């Protein structure tokens, strides 16, 4: 059997392996790379659309099993890599290449939006992605405290250099003003600051830029949408009715700005007591209700836990301090769901563009 034919046989076997979220086989998606065969030993790489793929081990196992079943195969080695697609034609922003920018929003304050943004960013970095975190909550910049950093390095070539913590690059107005200094800014000043944080920061090459927006639907949200293309937005809400009403406004804000709404996150869903019973402090089912009313998927529900507050105060996100806790596992799963949603949207946009070009 010729080398060429043997590779074709292997690829034919891999056509039976589906990417669960994209609903296409690995070969059609172009995910099989560097296939080699030496004396019955098969080696190849599967290039995922995100290092945070929740099905990475399933895909790897299915691919290995499919090839092992072929006659003449004595060993199979499967490597995993990732190449994150982009849904927004952003190109270079001040010399940076940001593949995907995702805004984290809430209709009201106090729902844990920044806590969610911080932990999602760290979870994505833990998975191997290159991640930035932009604190666009100009009036309440809490990201530096939650990430355990209080200053940024000196500027380089007229660019701000982001701080780095837990593998995440961070920029915030909190690094540039004293903690007690109030920011009484009108729209133009706020717009200028957000543009500076996008175009005048040495972000480098990022797979994901997570943007922590201030609560509500105001100048910061508009400034961000005008300053860079957003791959999508996610809405953080509590289960209670009044929080849902405000979250709905934030969701419709994204739609009004033509920003894809990737998902809803219900935070502080319940408190688990030492005996295992659960208390619905803020009601229950609100995230699912909002999801059904808007057609936006519920990405996950996050329980309450004192360690979340403790970690925020101490600058250690819970996905670092207690990675096996229910809250950390929920945050990590949400980060994986978000990465998958971004890839799905990016590849869907690419297919739509190809169809338009053919038409």
Protein backbone atom coordinates (compact mmCIF):
# COMPACT_ATOMS: atom_id res chain seq x y z
CA UNK A 1 0.00 0.00 0.00
CA UNK A 2 1.47 3.35 -1.02
CA UNK A 3 2.23 6.11 1.46
CA UNK A 4 -0.29 8.37 -0.25
CA UNK A 5 -3.01 5.73 -0.14
CA UNK A 6 -2.32 4.93 3.48
CA UNK A 7 -2.75 8.57 4.40
CA UNK A 8 -6.00 8.63 2.47
CA UNK A 9 -7.20 5.60 4.44
CA UNK A 10 -6.38 7.31 7.72
CA UNK A 11 -8.13 10.49 6.65
CA UNK A 12 -11.15 8.48 5.59
CA UNK A 13 -11.31 7.00 9.09
CA UNK A 14 -11.00 10.46 10.64
CA UNK A 15 -13.93 11.67 8.55
CA UNK A 16 -16.09 9.61 10.89
CA UNK A 17 -15.01 11.69 13.89
CA UNK A 18 -17.23 14.71 14.52
CA UNK A 19 -16.42 17.98 16.26
CA UNK A 20 -19.38 18.00 18.68
CA UNK A 21 -20.10 21.73 18.58
CA UNK A 22 -19.40 22.44 14.93
CA UNK A 23 -21.26 19.28 13.82
CA UNK A 24 -18.75 18.51 11.07
CA UNK A 25 -15.99 15.96 10.78
CA UNK A 26 -12.36 16.75 11.58
CA UNK A 27 -11.17 16.39 8.00
CA UNK A 28 -13.81 18.66 6.47
CA UNK A 29 -13.00 21.29 9.08
CA UNK A 30 -9.30 21.10 8.21
CA UNK A 31 -8.41 20.20 11.79
CA UNK A 32 -6.09 17.28 10.96
CA UNK A 33 -2.51 18.49 10.58
CA UNK A 34 0.96 16.98 10.13
CA UNK A 35 -0.19 13.42 9.41
CA UNK A 36 2.70 10.98 9.12
CA UNK A 37 2.92 7.19 8.89
CA UNK A 38 6.08 5.21 9.64
CA UNK A 39 5.99 1.40 9.67
CA UNK A 40 2.40 1.30 10.90
CA UNK A 41 2.91 4.05 13.47
CA UNK A 42 0.50 6.93 12.80
CA UNK A 43 1.05 10.41 14.19
CA UNK A 44 -0.98 13.57 13.62
CA UNK A 45 -2.16 16.79 15.24
CA UNK A 46 -5.73 17.93 15.75
CA UNK A 47 -5.90 21.71 15.57
CA UNK A 48 -8.80 22.85 17.76
CA UNK A 49 -10.55 26.20 17.43
CA UNK A 50 -9.73 27.06 21.05
CA UNK A 51 -7.38 25.66 23.71
CA UNK A 52 -10.36 25.85 26.07
CA UNK A 53 -12.39 23.33 24.05
CA UNK A 54 -14.54 21.37 26.55
CA UNK A 55 -14.46 18.29 24.31
CA UNK A 56 -10.73 18.21 23.63
CA UNK A 57 -10.11 14.86 25.30
CA UNK A 58 -13.23 13.31 23.75
CA UNK A 59 -12.13 14.41 20.27
CA UNK A 60 -8.62 13.12 20.86
CA UNK A 61 -9.90 9.78 22.15
CA UNK A 62 -12.39 9.31 19.30
CA UNK A 63 -9.75 10.13 16.69
CA UNK A 64 -7.22 7.74 18.21
CA UNK A 65 -9.80 4.96 18.41
CA UNK A 66 -10.88 5.46 14.78
CA UNK A 67 -7.32 5.12 13.49
CA UNK A 68 -6.39 2.25 15.81
CA UNK A 69 -9.20 0.21 14.25
CA UNK A 70 -7.48 0.24 10.84
CA UNK A 71 -5.57 -2.79 9.60
CA UNK A 72 -1.82 -2.38 9.70
CA UNK A 73 -1.79 0.29 12.40
CA UNK A 74 0.51 -0.60 15.28
CA UNK A 75 0.48 2.68 17.24
CA UNK A 76 -1.29 6.03 17.16
CA UNK A 77 0.00 9.31 18.59
CA UNK A 78 -2.40 12.26 18.64
CA UNK A 79 -1.27 15.78 19.51
CA UNK A 80 -3.58 18.71 20.23
CA UNK A 81 -3.00 22.32 19.21
CA UNK A 82 -5.28 25.31 18.77
CA UNK A 83 -5.75 28.17 16.34
CA UNK A 84 -8.44 30.55 17.55
CA UNK A 85 -10.52 31.99 14.69
CA UNK A 86 -11.74 35.57 14.67
CA UNK A 87 -15.24 36.78 13.87
CA UNK A 88 -14.32 40.46 13.67
CA UNK A 89 -12.12 41.96 10.93
CA UNK A 90 -10.17 43.99 13.48
CA UNK A 91 -6.71 43.71 11.99
CA UNK A 92 -4.13 45.62 13.96
CA UNK A 93 -5.26 47.96 16.71
CA UNK A 94 -2.33 50.17 17.54
CA UNK A 95 0.02 47.40 16.38
CA UNK A 96 -1.88 44.72 18.32
CA UNK A 97 -3.69 41.74 16.90
CA UNK A 98 -6.76 40.92 18.96
CA UNK A 99 -8.63 37.96 17.52
CA UNK A 100 -11.75 38.23 19.66
CA UNK A 101 -13.08 40.87 22.04
CA UNK A 102 -15.89 39.84 24.38
CA UNK A 103 -17.74 42.33 26.58
CA UNK A 104 -19.10 41.28 29.98
CA UNK A 105 -22.08 43.40 30.95
CA UNK A 106 -24.90 43.65 33.46
CA UNK A 107 -27.95 45.83 33.67
CA UNK A 108 -27.28 46.74 37.29
CA UNK A 109 -24.44 46.76 39.77
CA UNK A 110 -23.80 44.24 42.50
CA UNK A 111 -24.39 41.10 40.44
CA UNK A 112 -20.75 39.96 40.41
CA UNK A 113 -19.99 41.00 36.85
CA UNK A 114 -16.34 41.82 37.50
CA UNK A 115 -15.84 38.61 39.48
CA UNK A 116 -17.17 36.66 36.50
CA UNK A 117 -15.01 38.60 34.01
CA UNK A 118 -11.85 38.06 36.07
CA UNK A 119 -12.39 34.34 36.56
CA UNK A 120 -13.33 33.74 32.92
CA UNK A 121 -10.15 35.50 31.80
CA UNK A 122 -7.97 33.46 34.17
CA UNK A 123 -9.71 30.21 33.23
CA UNK A 124 -9.06 30.87 29.53
CA UNK A 125 -5.41 31.64 30.28
CA UNK A 126 -5.15 28.44 32.33
CA UNK A 127 -6.34 26.54 29.26
CA UNK A 128 -3.45 27.95 27.24
CA UNK A 129 -5.08 30.91 25.48
CA UNK A 130 -3.44 34.34 25.23
CA UNK A 131 -5.80 36.61 27.16
CA UNK A 132 -6.16 40.28 27.96
CA UNK A 133 -8.52 41.88 30.49
CA UNK A 134 -9.64 45.45 29.89
CA UNK A 135 -11.26 47.12 32.89
CA UNK A 136 -13.67 49.51 31.17
CA UNK A 137 -15.59 50.13 34.39
CA UNK A 138 -14.08 53.60 34.61
CA UNK A 139 -16.07 54.69 37.66
CA UNK A 140 -15.50 51.50 39.66
CA UNK A 141 -12.20 49.90 38.55
CA UNK A 142 -12.00 46.79 40.75
CA UNK A 143 -10.04 44.51 38.42
CA UNK A 144 -6.58 45.42 39.83
CA UNK A 145 -7.67 44.50 43.36
CA UNK A 146 -9.27 41.24 42.27
CA UNK A 147 -6.19 40.28 40.22
CA UNK A 148 -3.73 41.21 42.97
CA UNK A 149 -1.82 43.93 41.08
CA UNK A 150 -1.48 47.62 41.84
CA UNK A 151 0.72 49.05 39.08
CA UNK A 152 1.76 48.63 35.48
CA UNK A 153 5.31 48.52 34.06
CA UNK A 154 6.83 51.71 32.59
CA UNK A 155 5.56 52.73 29.13
CA UNK A 156 7.40 51.39 26.10
CA UNK A 157 7.66 53.32 22.83
CA UNK A 158 4.72 55.58 23.74
CA UNK A 159 2.52 52.59 24.59
CA UNK A 160 1.13 51.61 27.98
CA UNK A 161 2.42 48.19 29.04
CA UNK A 162 -0.28 46.10 30.72
CA UNK A 163 0.25 44.48 34.08
CA UNK A 164 0.22 40.69 34.09
CA UNK A 165 -1.26 38.35 36.66
CA UNK A 166 -2.16 34.66 36.45
CA UNK A 167 -1.19 34.69 32.78
CA UNK A 168 -3.59 37.54 31.92
CA UNK A 169 -2.57 40.98 30.61
CA UNK A 170 -4.48 43.71 32.45
CA UNK A 171 -5.15 47.40 31.93
CA UNK A 172 -7.37 49.60 34.12
CA UNK A 173 -7.86 53.25 34.99
CA UNK A 174 -7.21 52.01 38.52
CA UNK A 175 -3.49 51.85 37.65
CA UNK A 176 -3.44 55.50 36.59
CA UNK A 177 -5.27 57.28 39.41
CA UNK A 178 -5.02 57.08 43.20
CA UNK A 179 -7.64 54.88 44.92
CA UNK A 180 -9.34 57.84 46.62
CA UNK A 181 -9.51 60.01 43.50
CA UNK A 182 -13.07 60.32 42.13
CA UNK A 183 -13.51 60.22 38.35
CA UNK A 184 -16.12 62.81 37.46
CA UNK A 185 -15.94 62.42 33.71
CA UNK A 186 -18.31 63.32 30.94
CA UNK A 187 -18.74 61.19 27.82
CA UNK A 188 -15.87 62.58 25.69
CA UNK A 189 -13.27 61.96 28.42
CA UNK A 190 -14.56 58.45 28.99
CA UNK A 191 -14.54 57.74 25.25
CA UNK A 192 -10.95 58.98 25.01
CA UNK A 193 -9.85 56.72 27.88
CA UNK A 194 -11.43 53.62 26.36
CA UNK A 195 -9.88 54.33 22.96
CA UNK A 196 -6.50 54.75 24.64
CA UNK A 197 -6.88 51.42 26.44
CA UNK A 198 -7.51 49.72 23.08
CA UNK A 199 -5.12 51.52 20.72
CA UNK A 200 -2.34 52.76 22.99
CA UNK A 201 -1.64 49.62 25.00
CA UNK A 202 0.95 46.99 24.09
CA UNK A 203 -1.56 44.10 24.12
CA UNK A 204 0.44 42.11 21.57
CA UNK A 205 -1.24 39.04 20.06
CA UNK A 206 -4.38 38.00 21.95
CA UNK A 207 -6.81 35.16 21.40
CA UNK A 208 -9.35 36.84 23.67
CA UNK A 209 -9.74 40.32 25.13
CA UNK A 210 -12.28 40.20 27.95
CA UNK A 211 -13.80 43.63 28.58
CA UNK A 212 -15.40 44.35 31.95
CA UNK A 213 -18.05 46.98 31.28
CA UNK A 214 -19.64 49.23 33.91
CA UNK A 215 -23.22 48.44 34.92
CA UNK A 216 -26.06 49.85 32.87
CA UNK A 217 -26.34 51.06 29.31
CA UNK A 218 -24.38 54.26 28.94
CA UNK A 219 -21.41 56.05 27.43
CA UNK A 220 -18.83 53.33 28.13
CA UNK A 221 -20.82 50.72 26.24
CA UNK A 222 -21.29 53.01 23.25
CA UNK A 223 -17.64 54.08 23.28
CA UNK A 224 -16.44 50.48 23.30
CA UNK A 225 -18.69 49.49 20.39
CA UNK A 226 -17.46 52.50 18.40
CA UNK A 227 -13.79 51.85 19.20
CA UNK A 228 -13.45 48.20 18.19
CA UNK A 229 -15.50 45.38 16.67
CA UNK A 230 -16.85 43.07 19.36
CA UNK A 231 -17.03 39.33 18.79
CA UNK A 232 -19.88 39.19 21.27
CA UNK A 233 -21.23 40.07 24.67
CA UNK A 234 -22.39 38.12 27.70
CA UNK A 235 -24.90 39.23 30.31
CA UNK A 236 -24.49 38.55 34.03
CA UNK A 237 -27.64 38.51 36.15
CA UNK A 238 -28.98 37.36 39.49
CA UNK A 239 -31.99 35.03 39.66
CA UNK A 240 -34.27 37.73 41.08
CA UNK A 241 -36.91 39.46 38.96
CA UNK A 242 -35.63 43.02 39.28
CA UNK A 243 -32.15 41.92 38.20
CA UNK A 244 -33.65 40.19 35.17
CA UNK A 245 -35.42 43.36 34.10
CA UNK A 246 -32.14 45.27 34.15
CA UNK A 247 -30.26 42.40 32.49
CA UNK A 248 -32.81 42.41 29.68
CA UNK A 249 -32.00 46.07 29.04
CA UNK A 250 -28.30 45.25 28.85
CA UNK A 251 -29.02 42.40 26.47
CA UNK A 252 -31.13 44.58 24.18
CA UNK A 253 -28.36 47.20 24.29
CA UNK A 254 -26.00 44.69 22.66
CA UNK A 255 -28.59 43.89 20.03
CA UNK A 256 -29.14 47.58 19.30
CA UNK A 257 -25.39 47.92 18.68
CA UNK A 258 -25.34 44.81 16.43
CA UNK A 259 -23.19 42.91 18.92
CA UNK A 260 -23.95 39.16 19.06
CA UNK A 261 -25.23 38.14 22.50
CA UNK A 262 -23.35 34.92 23.18
CA UNK A 263 -24.90 33.92 26.47
CA UNK A 264 -26.45 34.64 29.86
CA UNK A 265 -24.73 33.83 33.15
CA UNK A 266 -26.76 33.50 36.33
CA UNK A 267 -24.56 34.41 39.29
CA UNK A 268 -25.23 33.72 42.98
CA UNK A 269 -27.80 31.11 42.02
CA UNK A 270 -27.96 29.49 45.44
CA UNK A 271 -26.10 29.04 48.71
CA UNK A 272 -25.22 25.51 49.73
CA UNK A 273 -25.32 24.93 53.49
CA UNK A 274 -22.98 22.56 55.38
CA UNK A 275 -25.69 19.87 55.48
CA UNK A 276 -25.94 19.92 51.69
CA UNK A 277 -29.25 21.76 51.49
CA UNK A 278 -29.58 24.77 49.20
CA UNK A 279 -31.00 28.21 49.92
CA UNK A 280 -32.20 30.37 47.02
CA UNK A 281 -31.12 33.74 48.43
CA UNK A 282 -32.14 35.67 45.31
CA UNK A 283 -34.93 33.43 44.04
CA UNK A 284 -34.48 30.77 41.41
CA UNK A 285 -34.71 30.12 37.69
CA UNK A 286 -34.24 33.71 36.60
CA UNK A 287 -31.44 32.98 34.16
CA UNK A 288 -33.45 30.27 32.46
CA UNK A 289 -36.47 32.56 32.29
CA UNK A 290 -34.43 35.28 30.60
CA UNK A 291 -32.91 32.73 28.23
CA UNK A 292 -36.32 31.47 27.15
CA UNK A 293 -37.68 35.00 26.74
CA UNK A 294 -34.78 36.21 24.58
CA UNK A 295 -33.58 33.08 22.80
CA UNK A 296 -30.07 33.57 24.22
CA UNK A 297 -28.49 30.43 25.73
CA UNK A 298 -27.89 30.15 29.46
CA UNK A 299 -24.15 29.50 29.68
CA UNK A 300 -24.17 28.49 33.31
CA UNK A 301 -25.28 29.10 36.87
CA UNK A 302 -22.77 29.97 39.57
CA UNK A 303 -23.48 29.22 43.26
CA UNK A 304 -22.56 31.50 46.15
CA UNK A 305 -19.48 30.80 48.24
CA UNK A 306 -17.64 32.96 50.80
CA UNK A 307 -14.31 32.05 49.16
CA UNK A 308 -15.31 34.12 46.12
CA UNK A 309 -15.44 37.30 48.19
CA UNK A 310 -12.29 36.37 50.09
CA UNK A 311 -10.39 35.73 46.87
CA UNK A 312 -11.59 39.01 45.38
CA UNK A 313 -10.38 40.95 48.40
CA UNK A 314 -7.05 39.14 48.47
CA UNK A 315 -6.40 39.29 44.73
CA UNK A 316 -6.64 35.54 44.14
CA UNK A 317 -9.50 34.51 41.78
CA UNK A 318 -11.35 31.41 42.93
CA UNK A 319 -10.33 29.43 39.85
CA UNK A 320 -6.81 29.75 41.31
CA UNK A 321 -7.48 29.61 45.06
CA UNK A 322 -10.00 26.75 45.02
CA UNK A 323 -9.96 25.23 41.52
CA UNK A 324 -11.99 22.17 42.56
CA UNK A 325 -14.79 24.14 44.25
CA UNK A 326 -18.25 24.20 42.70
CA UNK A 327 -17.90 27.90 41.92
CA UNK A 328 -14.52 27.46 40.22
CA UNK A 329 -15.74 24.48 38.21
CA UNK A 330 -18.79 26.49 37.12
CA UNK A 331 -16.58 29.44 36.11
CA UNK A 332 -14.25 27.16 34.14
CA UNK A 333 -17.14 25.49 32.35
CA UNK A 334 -18.57 28.90 31.45
CA UNK A 335 -15.17 29.97 30.07
CA UNK A 336 -15.16 26.84 27.89
CA UNK A 337 -18.72 27.51 26.72
CA UNK A 338 -17.77 31.09 25.90
CA UNK A 339 -14.72 30.01 23.90
CA UNK A 340 -16.86 27.52 21.99
CA UNK A 341 -19.51 30.16 21.28
CA UNK A 342 -16.89 32.59 19.98
CA UNK A 343 -15.47 29.92 17.66
CA UNK A 344 -18.92 28.92 16.43
CA UNK A 345 -19.77 32.53 15.66
CA UNK A 346 -16.41 33.13 13.99
CA UNK A 347 -16.65 30.08 11.76
CA UNK A 348 -20.30 30.81 10.99
CA UNK A 349 -19.39 34.35 9.96
CA UNK A 350 -16.59 33.01 7.78
CA UNK A 351 -18.97 30.59 6.01
CA UNK A 352 -21.52 33.37 5.46
CA UNK A 353 -18.81 35.56 3.93
CA UNK A 354 -17.71 32.74 1.61
CA UNK A 355 -21.32 32.21 0.49
CA UNK A 356 -21.71 35.94 -0.20
CA UNK A 357 -18.52 35.95 -2.25
CA UNK A 358 -19.76 32.97 -4.29
CA UNK A 359 -23.09 34.68 -4.89
